[in-house]
Protein backbone atom coordinates (compact mmCIF):
# COMPACT_ATOMS: atom_id res chain seq x y z
CA MET A 1 213.25 122.79 -86.95
CA ALA A 2 214.31 125.80 -85.85
CA THR A 3 213.76 128.09 -89.26
CA PRO A 4 210.16 127.91 -88.96
CA ARG A 5 209.84 128.88 -85.39
CA ARG A 6 211.94 131.88 -86.13
CA ALA A 7 210.03 132.84 -89.16
CA THR A 8 206.52 132.61 -86.94
CA ILE A 9 208.08 135.17 -84.53
CA ASN A 10 208.89 137.68 -87.16
CA VAL A 11 205.55 137.57 -88.96
CA THR A 12 203.98 138.43 -85.18
CA ARG A 13 206.34 141.24 -84.81
CA ILE A 14 205.41 142.58 -88.77
CA LEU A 15 201.61 142.23 -87.60
CA THR A 16 202.34 144.06 -84.24
CA VAL A 17 203.89 146.84 -85.63
CA ALA A 18 201.29 147.43 -88.38
CA LEU A 19 198.61 147.19 -86.23
CA ALA A 20 200.41 149.93 -83.90
CA THR A 21 201.10 152.03 -86.74
CA GLY A 22 197.29 151.76 -88.00
CA ILE A 23 196.03 152.76 -84.76
CA LEU A 24 198.34 155.62 -84.19
CA ALA A 25 197.68 156.60 -87.91
CA ALA A 26 193.88 156.48 -87.30
CA GLY A 27 194.45 158.72 -83.91
CA ALA A 28 196.44 161.22 -85.86
CA SER A 29 193.69 161.17 -88.42
CA ALA A 30 190.78 161.78 -85.82
CA VAL A 31 192.92 164.54 -84.06
CA THR A 32 193.54 166.08 -87.49
CA ALA A 33 189.71 165.97 -88.32
CA SER A 34 188.21 167.63 -84.70
CA SER A 35 190.70 170.19 -84.73
CA PRO A 36 188.98 172.59 -86.91
CA ALA A 37 185.90 171.80 -85.64
CA SER A 38 187.01 173.21 -82.08
CA ALA A 39 188.76 175.88 -83.70
CA HIS A 40 185.68 177.70 -85.15
CA THR A 41 184.91 180.90 -83.65
CA PRO A 42 182.44 182.93 -85.36
CA GLU A 43 181.42 186.66 -83.75
CA VAL A 44 178.67 188.81 -84.80
CA SER A 45 178.29 192.32 -83.19
CA ALA A 46 176.11 195.45 -83.43
CA THR A 47 176.42 198.83 -82.16
CA CYS A 48 173.96 201.57 -82.78
CA SER A 49 175.93 202.86 -86.11
CA THR A 50 177.78 199.70 -87.28
CA LEU A 51 177.52 195.57 -87.64
CA THR A 52 180.95 193.92 -87.50
CA VAL A 53 181.27 190.04 -88.30
CA ALA A 54 184.61 188.06 -87.62
CA LEU A 55 185.31 184.78 -88.54
CA SER A 56 188.27 182.71 -87.91
CA ASN A 57 189.67 179.08 -87.77
CA TYR A 58 187.86 177.96 -90.82
CA SER A 59 188.84 175.17 -93.11
CA ASP A 60 190.63 176.74 -96.06
CA ASP A 61 190.12 173.58 -98.59
CA ASP A 62 188.98 173.56 -102.10
CA ASP A 63 185.19 173.73 -101.25
CA PRO A 64 185.23 177.35 -99.30
CA ASN A 65 182.85 178.84 -96.99
CA THR A 66 180.31 181.39 -98.00
CA ILE A 67 178.86 184.14 -95.86
CA THR A 68 175.52 186.41 -96.44
CA VAL A 69 174.80 189.54 -94.61
CA SER A 70 171.40 191.66 -94.58
CA ILE A 71 170.58 194.62 -93.09
CA ASP A 72 166.84 195.62 -92.81
CA SER A 73 166.17 192.97 -95.40
CA GLU A 74 168.63 194.25 -98.05
CA THR A 75 171.89 192.07 -98.69
CA VAL A 76 174.87 193.94 -98.10
CA GLU A 77 177.32 191.47 -98.56
CA GLU A 78 177.23 187.68 -100.64
CA ALA A 79 180.97 186.52 -100.61
CA ARG A 80 183.03 183.26 -100.51
CA PHE A 81 185.96 183.08 -97.68
CA GLY A 82 188.82 180.85 -96.54
CA ALA A 83 190.19 180.22 -92.89
CA THR A 84 189.06 183.89 -92.10
CA PHE A 85 186.66 186.59 -92.73
CA ASP A 86 186.37 190.12 -90.87
CA ALA A 87 184.21 192.96 -92.32
CA THR A 88 182.19 195.92 -90.65
CA TYR A 89 179.26 197.42 -92.43
CA PRO A 90 177.48 200.84 -91.59
CA LEU A 91 173.79 200.86 -90.36
CA GLY A 92 172.54 203.88 -91.67
CA ASP A 93 170.32 206.35 -89.24
CA THR A 94 171.81 206.15 -86.09
CA THR A 95 168.83 207.68 -84.57
CA ALA A 96 166.94 204.20 -85.25
CA ALA A 97 167.43 200.35 -84.84
CA HIS A 98 167.92 197.97 -87.44
CA ASP A 99 167.51 194.44 -88.04
CA TYR A 100 170.19 192.41 -89.47
CA LEU A 101 171.04 188.75 -90.47
CA VAL A 102 174.22 186.85 -90.94
CA THR A 103 174.27 183.28 -92.49
CA ILE A 104 177.33 181.41 -92.68
CA ASP A 105 177.63 178.26 -94.94
CA ALA A 106 180.32 175.67 -94.18
CA PRO A 107 181.50 172.46 -96.05
CA GLY A 108 179.43 169.52 -94.70
CA GLY A 109 176.83 171.78 -92.85
CA ASP A 110 177.94 170.90 -89.28
CA TYR A 111 179.51 174.47 -88.93
CA ASP A 112 176.82 176.40 -90.69
CA ARG A 113 175.73 179.24 -88.33
CA GLU A 114 172.91 182.13 -88.55
CA PHE A 115 173.11 185.35 -86.36
CA ALA A 116 170.05 187.38 -86.21
CA GLY A 117 169.52 190.71 -84.45
CA SER A 118 168.51 194.35 -83.91
CA SER A 119 170.61 197.24 -82.85
CA VAL A 120 170.00 200.13 -80.28
CA PRO A 121 169.89 203.73 -81.57
CA CYS A 122 172.00 205.94 -80.54
CA GLU A 123 170.89 208.48 -78.19
CA ALA A 124 170.16 212.16 -79.84
CA GLU A 125 172.64 214.52 -79.46
CA VAL A 126 171.42 217.40 -77.81
CA ALA A 127 172.87 221.07 -78.35
CA THR A 128 173.06 222.91 -75.40
CA ASP A 129 172.19 226.43 -77.27
CA ALA A 130 168.92 227.18 -76.02
CA SER A 131 168.05 230.53 -74.16
CA ALA A 132 165.47 232.82 -72.95
CA ALA A 133 165.42 236.04 -71.25
CA LEU A 134 162.52 238.19 -69.96
CA ALA A 135 162.33 241.88 -68.18
CA VAL A 136 160.11 243.52 -65.59
CA THR A 137 159.58 247.62 -66.39
CA PRO A 138 159.21 249.33 -63.16
CA ALA A 139 156.28 251.05 -61.94
CA THR A 140 155.56 254.59 -62.56
CA CYS A 141 153.40 257.63 -61.06
CA ASP A 142 151.16 257.05 -63.59
CA THR A 143 151.37 253.27 -64.63
CA SER A 144 151.99 249.54 -62.95
CA GLY A 145 154.84 247.59 -63.88
CA THR A 146 154.79 245.09 -66.59
CA LEU A 147 156.16 241.95 -67.44
CA VAL A 148 157.94 241.82 -70.82
CA LEU A 149 158.82 238.12 -72.60
CA GLY A 150 162.19 238.71 -74.24
CA GLU A 151 163.68 236.84 -77.42
CA SER A 152 164.05 233.03 -77.31
CA ARG A 153 166.54 230.98 -79.17
CA ASN A 154 166.01 227.49 -79.77
CA ALA A 155 163.13 227.53 -76.89
CA SER A 156 159.29 228.81 -76.82
CA TRP A 157 157.73 230.77 -73.84
CA GLY A 158 154.84 229.25 -71.98
CA GLU A 159 151.85 231.50 -70.76
CA PRO A 160 152.67 233.68 -67.99
CA THR A 161 150.73 233.57 -65.13
CA ALA A 162 150.86 237.50 -64.82
CA THR A 163 151.75 240.45 -66.73
CA THR A 164 150.49 243.43 -65.08
CA GLY A 165 151.34 244.66 -61.31
CA PRO A 166 150.54 244.53 -58.59
CA ALA A 167 151.42 240.95 -58.83
CA ARG A 168 153.86 237.76 -58.56
CA TYR A 169 154.76 235.90 -62.29
CA SER A 170 155.92 232.36 -63.32
CA VAL A 171 156.63 231.73 -67.17
CA THR A 172 158.29 228.49 -68.36
CA ALA A 173 160.70 228.44 -71.37
CA THR A 174 161.00 224.94 -73.12
CA ALA A 175 163.55 224.32 -75.51
CA ASP A 176 162.99 223.09 -78.95
CA GLU A 177 163.68 219.34 -79.97
CA ASP A 178 167.48 218.44 -79.80
CA HIS A 179 168.23 221.41 -78.01
CA ALA A 180 168.80 222.31 -74.43
CA PHE A 181 169.78 225.58 -72.37
CA ALA A 182 173.58 226.12 -70.97
CA ASP A 183 172.98 223.96 -67.61
CA GLY A 184 171.82 220.71 -69.92
CA THR A 185 167.71 221.42 -68.86
CA LEU A 186 164.99 221.17 -70.95
CA THR A 187 162.82 223.77 -69.50
CA LYS A 188 164.04 227.28 -67.22
CA THR A 189 161.31 228.61 -65.39
CA PHE A 190 160.97 232.35 -64.41
CA THR A 191 159.38 233.88 -61.16
CA GLY A 192 159.25 237.44 -59.73
CA ALA A 193 157.36 240.75 -58.73
CA ILE A 194 155.80 243.00 -60.38
CA GLU A 195 155.14 246.22 -58.79
CA GLY A 196 151.79 248.39 -58.77
CA ARG A 197 151.41 251.82 -59.39
CA LEU A 198 153.57 253.99 -57.06
CA ASP A 199 151.62 255.70 -54.19
CA PRO A 200 150.69 259.44 -55.60
CA ALA A 201 150.94 261.00 -52.26
CA GLU A 202 154.37 259.41 -51.09
CA ALA A 203 158.08 260.23 -52.57
CA PRO A 204 158.67 260.43 -55.33
CA CYS A 205 155.34 260.91 -56.87
CA ALA A 206 154.32 263.65 -54.41
CA SER A 207 156.89 266.08 -55.02
CA LEU A 208 155.58 266.20 -58.75
CA VAL A 209 152.23 266.91 -58.16
CA VAL A 210 151.18 270.97 -57.65
CA VAL A 211 148.18 271.41 -55.87
CA PRO A 212 146.25 274.20 -56.92
CA GLU A 213 145.13 277.26 -54.51
CA ARG A 214 142.21 276.29 -52.18
CA PRO A 215 139.12 278.51 -53.09
CA VAL A 216 137.46 280.67 -50.66
CA PRO A 217 134.58 278.95 -48.78
CA THR A 218 131.47 280.93 -49.16
CA VAL A 219 129.33 282.03 -45.76
CA VAL A 220 126.17 283.38 -46.43
CA VAL A 221 124.28 285.00 -43.18
CA THR A 222 120.53 285.80 -43.20
CA ASP A 223 119.06 287.96 -40.31
CA GLU A 224 115.46 288.00 -39.48
CA THR A 225 113.72 290.15 -36.66
CA ALA A 226 110.65 290.32 -35.02
CA VAL A 227 109.15 292.93 -32.33
CA ASP A 228 106.72 291.65 -29.63
CA CYS A 229 105.23 294.91 -28.60
CA GLY A 230 103.02 293.06 -26.12
CA ALA A 231 105.67 291.37 -24.57
CA LEU A 232 108.55 294.47 -25.23
CA THR A 233 110.91 292.16 -26.97
CA GLN A 234 113.02 292.11 -30.31
CA THR A 235 113.78 288.36 -31.40
CA THR A 236 116.48 288.29 -34.20
CA THR A 237 117.20 285.07 -35.73
CA THR A 238 120.24 284.50 -37.58
CA THR A 239 120.94 281.65 -40.36
CA THR A 240 124.48 280.86 -41.14
CA THR A 241 124.79 278.57 -44.65
CA THR A 242 128.87 277.84 -45.14
CA THR A 243 130.02 276.06 -48.27
CA GLY A 244 133.42 274.34 -48.19
CA TRP A 245 135.91 272.72 -50.57
CA ARG A 246 137.53 269.27 -50.35
CA LEU A 247 140.29 268.47 -52.65
CA ASP A 248 139.88 265.28 -55.21
CA GLU A 249 143.23 263.70 -55.02
CA THR A 250 142.80 261.73 -58.11
CA ALA A 251 141.97 264.66 -60.36
CA ASN A 252 143.88 266.93 -58.43
CA VAL A 253 140.96 269.76 -58.29
CA TRP A 254 138.90 271.41 -55.61
CA VAL A 255 135.17 270.32 -55.50
CA ARG A 256 132.51 271.95 -52.97
CA THR A 257 131.38 270.19 -50.26
CA PRO A 258 127.61 270.02 -49.00
CA ALA A 259 126.63 273.20 -47.36
CA VAL A 260 126.23 273.47 -43.45
CA VAL A 261 123.47 275.39 -42.12
CA THR A 262 123.47 276.57 -38.63
CA THR A 263 120.95 278.76 -36.78
CA THR A 264 121.11 281.03 -33.73
CA SER A 265 118.74 283.78 -31.94
CA ALA A 266 119.30 286.29 -29.73
CA THR A 267 116.00 288.21 -28.07
CA LEU A 268 116.53 291.73 -26.32
CA PRO A 269 114.33 293.89 -24.53
CA VAL A 270 112.74 296.98 -26.49
CA ALA A 271 111.28 300.34 -24.69
CA ALA A 272 107.44 300.92 -24.79
CA THR A 273 108.24 304.27 -27.22
CA GLU A 274 109.60 302.17 -29.62
CA CYS A 275 106.34 300.46 -30.31
CA PRO A 276 103.34 302.63 -32.18
CA THR A 277 100.62 304.02 -30.12
CA VAL A 278 97.03 303.39 -31.47
CA GLU A 279 94.70 306.27 -31.11
CA THR A 280 91.02 305.63 -29.85
CA PRO A 281 89.17 306.55 -33.29
CA PRO A 282 85.92 309.37 -32.71
CA THR A 283 82.46 307.97 -32.75
CA GLY A 284 80.72 307.02 -36.08
CA SER A 285 84.32 307.34 -37.78
CA ALA A 286 86.00 304.24 -39.08
CA THR A 287 88.68 301.97 -37.17
CA PRO A 288 92.01 302.64 -38.50
CA PRO A 289 93.99 299.28 -38.96
CA ALA A 290 95.77 298.08 -36.06
CA PRO A 291 99.47 298.49 -36.20
CA SER A 292 101.85 295.83 -37.53
CA THR A 293 104.53 294.66 -35.47
CA PRO A 294 107.62 295.40 -37.06
CA THR A 295 109.71 293.20 -39.09
CA GLY A 296 112.96 293.19 -41.03
CA VAL A 297 114.87 290.58 -43.00
CA THR A 298 118.43 291.17 -44.57
CA SER A 299 120.61 288.38 -46.09
CA ARG A 300 124.71 288.96 -46.98
CA GLU A 301 127.25 286.70 -48.01
CA VAL A 302 130.53 287.15 -45.88
CA PRO A 303 133.57 285.74 -47.16
CA VAL A 304 135.29 283.94 -44.56
CA GLU A 305 138.81 285.92 -44.73
CA ALA A 306 136.78 289.27 -43.70
CA LEU A 307 135.06 287.34 -40.65
CA ALA A 308 138.58 286.07 -39.60
CA SER A 309 140.59 289.62 -40.10
CA THR A 310 137.85 291.43 -37.94
CA GLY A 311 137.79 288.94 -35.23
CA SER A 312 134.02 289.00 -35.17
CA ASP A 313 131.29 286.21 -36.30
CA ALA A 314 127.90 286.17 -37.42
CA GLY A 315 126.58 285.84 -33.74
CA ALA A 316 128.19 289.24 -33.02
CA VAL A 317 127.32 291.31 -35.76
CA ALA A 318 123.64 290.18 -36.25
CA PRO A 319 122.30 291.72 -33.10
CA ILE A 320 123.87 294.66 -34.16
CA GLY A 321 122.39 294.73 -37.53
CA ALA A 322 119.16 294.18 -36.12
CA ALA A 323 118.84 296.86 -34.15
CA LEU A 324 119.64 299.31 -36.52
CA LEU A 325 117.02 297.65 -38.83
CA PHE A 326 114.57 298.30 -36.08
CA ALA A 327 115.42 301.68 -35.36
CA GLY A 328 115.00 302.53 -39.37
CA VAL A 329 111.52 300.81 -38.96
CA LEU A 330 110.27 302.97 -35.72
CA LEU A 331 111.42 305.84 -37.58
CA ALA A 332 109.49 305.30 -40.82
CA LEU A 333 106.20 304.34 -38.52
CA GLY A 334 106.59 307.44 -36.41
CA ARG A 335 106.75 309.77 -39.48
CA ARG A 336 103.82 307.98 -40.62
CA LEU A 337 101.78 308.54 -37.32
CA ALA A 338 102.82 312.06 -37.52
CA GLY A 339 101.36 312.50 -40.65
CA ALA A 340 98.08 310.78 -39.64
CA ARG A 341 97.52 312.91 -36.71
CA ALA A 342 98.43 316.30 -38.31
CA ALA A 343 95.80 314.99 -41.07
CA HIS A 344 93.18 314.27 -38.19
CA ARG A 345 93.62 317.64 -36.47
CA GLU A 346 92.51 319.43 -39.79
């Protein structure tokens, strides 16, 4: 009776051990199957110049993985790979953005991946080799200062606000594309002052001007004398016309000024003997004409220097000349009257 029971116990143990072994095997299989899934690590990244693809921990079975890489819709890679894949692709023009597409095809389809994106353009490299310079020519006694735009390199000039003095100027130079000035700026503005023509009346211009000698002013004196025998007076009227000169500083020449006219008169008494005597004509004879009042007019040009050297003026000289002229007139009239009387006596 004891033998059948022992056999039953052995069978039970065998079944228990087999069941446990099956469970452990199933667990190990599950762990083995799940391990590659958790370890798949695809990485795709792009810079302004390259595209990088890095794949690791893929299954390396007889049925391999495949990858396709396209840049700007052009296939640059189509390959099979095992556990890993690592490659870098140039994008071309670094100043432009590029589209990319990376497709991963793994066995079973559970680990298929697709990566799509665009790169960011690189910043353009700028050369700091632009330059520009200008100069301002100084003003002279004859011309104003001027602005002179100098030679520019990898830059261009704008329009200046002024080029001739007197004025303040402002002008901007702009660097060409992909160029900059030494300090890294793209524009450079110049400002300053431009002088006007130097004052001809001040140094150093005044010392360069030789003023010609001033001409002598012209003075014309006219005397007019009239004798009033009724009042026994003699009146002399003196008219002085003076023409001077002024300097035209622009042309540096002397030009005439408008004439200045002054008039003076002087009245002196005269003796009765200086007036002619009119005799009564005989009856029946013709009445002789009444003697006219003696008058005299003289005109002379008097240099200013002559007047200055003698210390006299027209007002002082005129009465003396008038008296001499009047004496000459009286002498002529006296002779004529004497001749008339002698003729009448005969």
